[in-house]
Amino acid sequence: MTSPVTDHAELARPEAFTQEGLGWVPWLEPVAEDDLTAQQRDALIEPARAKMPYFRLLARDPEALRARTLTDLDIFFNVSGGIGRAERELAAAATSRRNGCVFCASVHAAAATRESGRRDDVQRLLDEGTGADVGDETWNAVVAASVALADTPLAFDGADVDRLVAAGLDVAEIVDVVNGAAFFNWANRLMLSLGEPEVPARRRATEGSDA
């Protein structure tokens, strides 16, 4: 009997946290793109996600995927109120760095850089860890609150809220930070249990030609 779990023995695994784009390979077989049902395609929300093995794997439970994706998009892209996109992405990147999810950290660190223009501060978070000074008290407070939630929800307490308030955040902005970190505490664990990141072939080829 063939094992349902795929071991990618020759995978080009990243050696460090990075803002460069990474691939991701599942250990379990995703739904083939051509086999996606109408319900599964609807649950993807964005048609381009049919190309991504992670979302095609989650499509095995389309109702859960649809709920997960709508929650994700509302937390990170609904900026009609609350904190800005950069700080939401920073919360996700800090949580992912703490939890050791290299793929999620790469996606959201790059987004934090794109939204803020603060590449060096974001890279310091990846290189030095969640104790690094990321440039100002607002960002440091967002990282500290995210890390407290990542360690255990009970570690997030009034002191974290007081620090966010002192940094200038109002209630709606604090809720956005908590939502971003909490969502990725769940998302990191899901992704880390279903597969692993890889360095894309096109990047390996470029790095090889530069050597």
Protein backbone atom coordinates (compact mmCIF):
# COMPACT_ATOMS: atom_id res chain seq x y z
CA MET A 1 0.00 0.00 0.00
CA THR A 2 1.35 3.43 -0.93
CA SER A 3 1.83 5.77 2.04
CA PRO A 4 -0.46 8.81 1.96
CA VAL A 5 2.42 10.87 3.34
CA THR A 6 5.05 12.19 0.89
CA ASP A 7 8.61 12.56 2.16
CA HIS A 8 10.45 15.18 0.08
CA ALA A 9 13.93 13.83 0.68
CA GLU A 10 15.68 16.05 -1.90
CA LEU A 11 13.85 19.27 -1.08
CA ALA A 12 15.86 22.51 -1.20
CA ARG A 13 14.92 23.75 2.25
CA PRO A 14 15.60 27.39 3.18
CA GLU A 15 18.44 27.78 5.67
CA ALA A 16 17.20 30.99 7.30
CA PHE A 17 14.20 33.28 7.61
CA THR A 18 13.89 35.44 4.51
CA GLN A 19 11.75 38.04 2.79
CA GLU A 20 12.39 36.35 -0.56
CA GLY A 21 9.56 34.34 -2.07
CA LEU A 22 9.43 30.65 -1.12
CA GLY A 23 7.55 27.65 -2.42
CA TRP A 24 5.69 25.19 -0.24
CA VAL A 25 5.15 21.46 -0.70
CA PRO A 26 2.46 19.38 1.04
CA TRP A 27 3.06 16.05 2.75
CA LEU A 28 -0.48 15.00 1.85
CA GLU A 29 -1.93 14.93 -1.65
CA PRO A 30 -3.88 18.10 -2.52
CA VAL A 31 -6.88 18.06 -4.83
CA ALA A 32 -5.66 18.18 -8.44
CA GLU A 33 -6.51 21.51 -10.04
CA ASP A 34 -8.59 19.87 -12.77
CA ASP A 35 -10.55 17.90 -10.15
CA LEU A 36 -11.68 20.89 -8.07
CA THR A 37 -15.45 20.95 -7.74
CA ALA A 38 -17.54 24.11 -8.08
CA GLN A 39 -17.89 24.22 -4.28
CA GLN A 40 -14.13 23.89 -3.79
CA ARG A 41 -13.41 26.63 -6.35
CA ASP A 42 -15.93 28.90 -4.65
CA ALA A 43 -14.23 28.25 -1.29
CA LEU A 44 -10.89 29.44 -2.69
CA ILE A 45 -12.44 32.95 -2.97
CA GLU A 46 -9.59 34.03 -5.27
CA PRO A 47 -9.36 31.89 -8.48
CA ALA A 48 -5.54 32.19 -8.60
CA ARG A 49 -5.35 30.09 -5.44
CA ALA A 50 -6.27 27.03 -7.53
CA LYS A 51 -2.58 27.04 -8.57
CA MET A 52 -1.39 26.79 -4.96
CA PRO A 53 -1.07 23.29 -3.42
CA TYR A 54 -1.68 24.62 0.10
CA PHE A 55 -5.14 25.92 -0.77
CA ARG A 56 -5.95 22.87 -2.90
CA LEU A 57 -5.12 20.70 0.11
CA LEU A 58 -7.38 22.79 2.36
CA ALA A 59 -10.07 22.51 -0.34
CA ARG A 60 -10.67 18.94 0.87
CA ASP A 61 -12.83 20.70 3.49
CA PRO A 62 -14.36 23.52 1.41
CA GLU A 63 -16.61 24.93 4.11
CA ALA A 64 -13.68 25.31 6.52
CA LEU A 65 -11.49 26.78 3.75
CA ARG A 66 -14.12 29.37 2.83
CA ALA A 67 -14.55 30.46 6.46
CA ARG A 68 -10.77 30.55 6.96
CA THR A 69 -10.14 32.67 3.87
CA LEU A 70 -12.89 35.21 4.51
CA THR A 71 -11.59 35.64 8.07
CA ASP A 72 -8.03 36.07 6.79
CA LEU A 73 -9.01 38.68 4.20
CA ASP A 74 -11.11 40.67 6.66
CA ILE A 75 -8.39 40.78 9.32
CA PHE A 76 -5.61 41.84 6.96
CA PHE A 77 -7.31 43.85 4.19
CA ASN A 78 -10.33 45.52 5.76
CA VAL A 79 -8.71 48.81 6.72
CA SER A 80 -11.85 50.93 6.89
CA GLY A 81 -10.89 51.41 10.55
CA GLY A 82 -8.20 50.34 12.97
CA ILE A 83 -4.48 49.99 12.43
CA GLY A 84 -2.70 50.14 9.08
CA ARG A 85 -1.79 47.27 6.78
CA ALA A 86 1.91 47.40 7.71
CA GLU A 87 1.31 46.79 11.41
CA ARG A 88 -1.14 43.95 10.70
CA GLU A 89 1.49 42.31 8.53
CA LEU A 90 4.13 42.96 11.18
CA ALA A 91 2.00 41.15 13.78
CA ALA A 92 1.71 38.16 11.43
CA ALA A 93 5.44 38.19 10.66
CA ALA A 94 6.42 38.41 14.35
CA THR A 95 4.06 35.57 15.27
CA SER A 96 5.39 33.43 12.43
CA ARG A 97 8.99 34.20 13.43
CA ARG A 98 8.24 33.14 17.00
CA ASN A 99 6.46 29.95 15.93
CA GLY A 100 9.17 29.01 13.43
CA CYS A 101 6.98 29.13 10.33
CA VAL A 102 9.55 30.14 7.70
CA PHE A 103 7.02 30.23 4.84
CA CYS A 104 4.46 32.41 6.65
CA ALA A 105 7.21 34.70 7.94
CA SER A 106 8.53 35.21 4.40
CA VAL A 107 5.10 36.16 3.02
CA HIS A 108 4.17 38.57 5.79
CA ALA A 109 7.61 40.06 6.35
CA ALA A 110 7.69 40.94 2.65
CA ALA A 111 4.20 42.43 2.95
CA ALA A 112 5.23 44.48 6.00
CA THR A 113 8.17 45.84 4.02
CA ARG A 114 5.98 46.56 1.00
CA GLU A 115 3.42 48.43 3.11
CA SER A 116 5.93 50.37 5.24
CA GLY A 117 9.14 50.73 3.21
CA ARG A 118 11.05 49.61 6.33
CA ARG A 119 12.92 46.63 4.91
CA ASP A 120 15.88 46.86 7.30
CA ASP A 121 13.64 46.90 10.40
CA VAL A 122 11.68 43.90 9.13
CA GLN A 123 14.85 42.01 8.23
CA ARG A 124 16.22 42.63 11.73
CA LEU A 125 13.13 40.88 13.12
CA LEU A 126 13.87 37.88 10.91
CA ASP A 127 17.63 37.82 11.52
CA GLU A 128 17.77 38.58 15.24
CA GLY A 129 14.40 37.24 16.38
CA THR A 130 11.45 38.74 18.16
CA GLY A 131 13.61 40.45 20.79
CA ALA A 132 15.15 42.73 18.15
CA ASP A 133 14.60 46.50 18.17
CA VAL A 134 12.49 47.03 15.04
CA GLY A 135 12.88 50.76 14.87
CA ASP A 136 10.30 52.51 17.06
CA GLU A 137 8.14 51.89 20.11
CA THR A 138 4.93 51.30 18.14
CA TRP A 139 6.46 48.46 16.15
CA ASN A 140 8.29 47.08 19.21
CA ALA A 141 5.00 47.04 21.16
CA VAL A 142 3.19 45.29 18.28
CA VAL A 143 5.92 42.63 18.15
CA ALA A 144 5.92 42.15 21.94
CA ALA A 145 2.13 41.73 22.06
CA SER A 146 2.20 39.26 19.17
CA VAL A 147 4.94 37.22 20.83
CA ALA A 148 3.04 37.11 24.13
CA LEU A 149 0.03 35.67 22.30
CA ALA A 150 2.26 33.19 20.45
CA ASP A 151 3.78 31.86 23.65
CA THR A 152 0.40 31.36 25.31
CA PRO A 153 -2.71 33.57 25.39
CA LEU A 154 -2.31 33.89 29.17
CA ALA A 155 1.04 35.61 28.61
CA PHE A 156 -0.78 38.49 26.91
CA ASP A 157 -2.02 40.72 29.71
CA GLY A 158 -2.69 44.26 30.83
CA ALA A 159 0.96 45.22 30.55
CA ASP A 160 0.89 44.47 26.81
CA VAL A 161 -2.30 46.52 26.39
CA ASP A 162 -0.81 49.40 28.41
CA ARG A 163 2.30 49.36 26.23
CA LEU A 164 0.22 49.47 23.04
CA VAL A 165 -1.86 52.34 24.43
CA ALA A 166 1.28 54.22 25.46
CA ALA A 167 2.57 53.74 21.90
CA GLY A 168 -0.54 55.55 20.65
CA LEU A 169 -2.86 52.71 19.63
CA ASP A 170 -6.60 53.02 20.26
CA VAL A 171 -8.94 50.13 21.06
CA ALA A 172 -9.76 49.27 17.43
CA GLU A 173 -6.06 49.25 16.53
CA ILE A 174 -5.21 46.96 19.47
CA VAL A 175 -7.98 44.57 18.40
CA ASP A 176 -6.43 44.47 14.91
CA VAL A 177 -3.02 43.56 16.35
CA VAL A 178 -4.57 40.82 18.49
CA ASN A 179 -6.57 39.49 15.53
CA GLY A 180 -3.51 39.40 13.24
CA ALA A 181 -1.37 37.59 15.80
CA ALA A 182 -4.13 35.21 16.89
CA PHE A 183 -4.99 34.24 13.32
CA PHE A 184 -1.38 33.38 12.58
CA ASN A 185 -0.93 31.42 15.76
CA TRP A 186 -3.55 29.12 14.27
CA ALA A 187 -2.39 29.43 10.63
CA ASN A 188 1.26 28.69 11.51
CA ARG A 189 0.33 25.48 13.26
CA LEU A 190 -1.87 24.38 10.37
CA MET A 191 0.81 25.05 7.77
CA LEU A 192 3.62 23.52 9.85
CA SER A 193 1.62 20.32 10.23
CA LEU A 194 0.76 19.90 6.53
CA GLY A 195 4.01 20.50 4.64
CA GLU A 196 7.24 22.50 4.44
CA PRO A 197 8.84 25.39 2.53
CA GLU A 198 11.29 25.12 -0.33
CA VAL A 199 13.57 27.51 -2.18
CA PRO A 200 12.05 27.90 -5.68
CA ALA A 201 14.04 26.44 -8.57
CA ARG A 202 14.22 29.81 -10.35
CA ARG A 203 15.90 31.35 -7.28
CA ARG A 204 18.33 28.46 -6.90
CA ALA A 205 19.28 28.91 -10.55
CA THR A 206 19.86 32.66 -10.04
CA GLU A 207 21.92 32.15 -6.90
CA GLY A 208 23.94 29.46 -8.68
CA SER A 209 24.71 31.78 -11.58
CA ASP A 210 25.84 34.49 -9.14
CA ALA A 211 28.27 32.14 -7.34
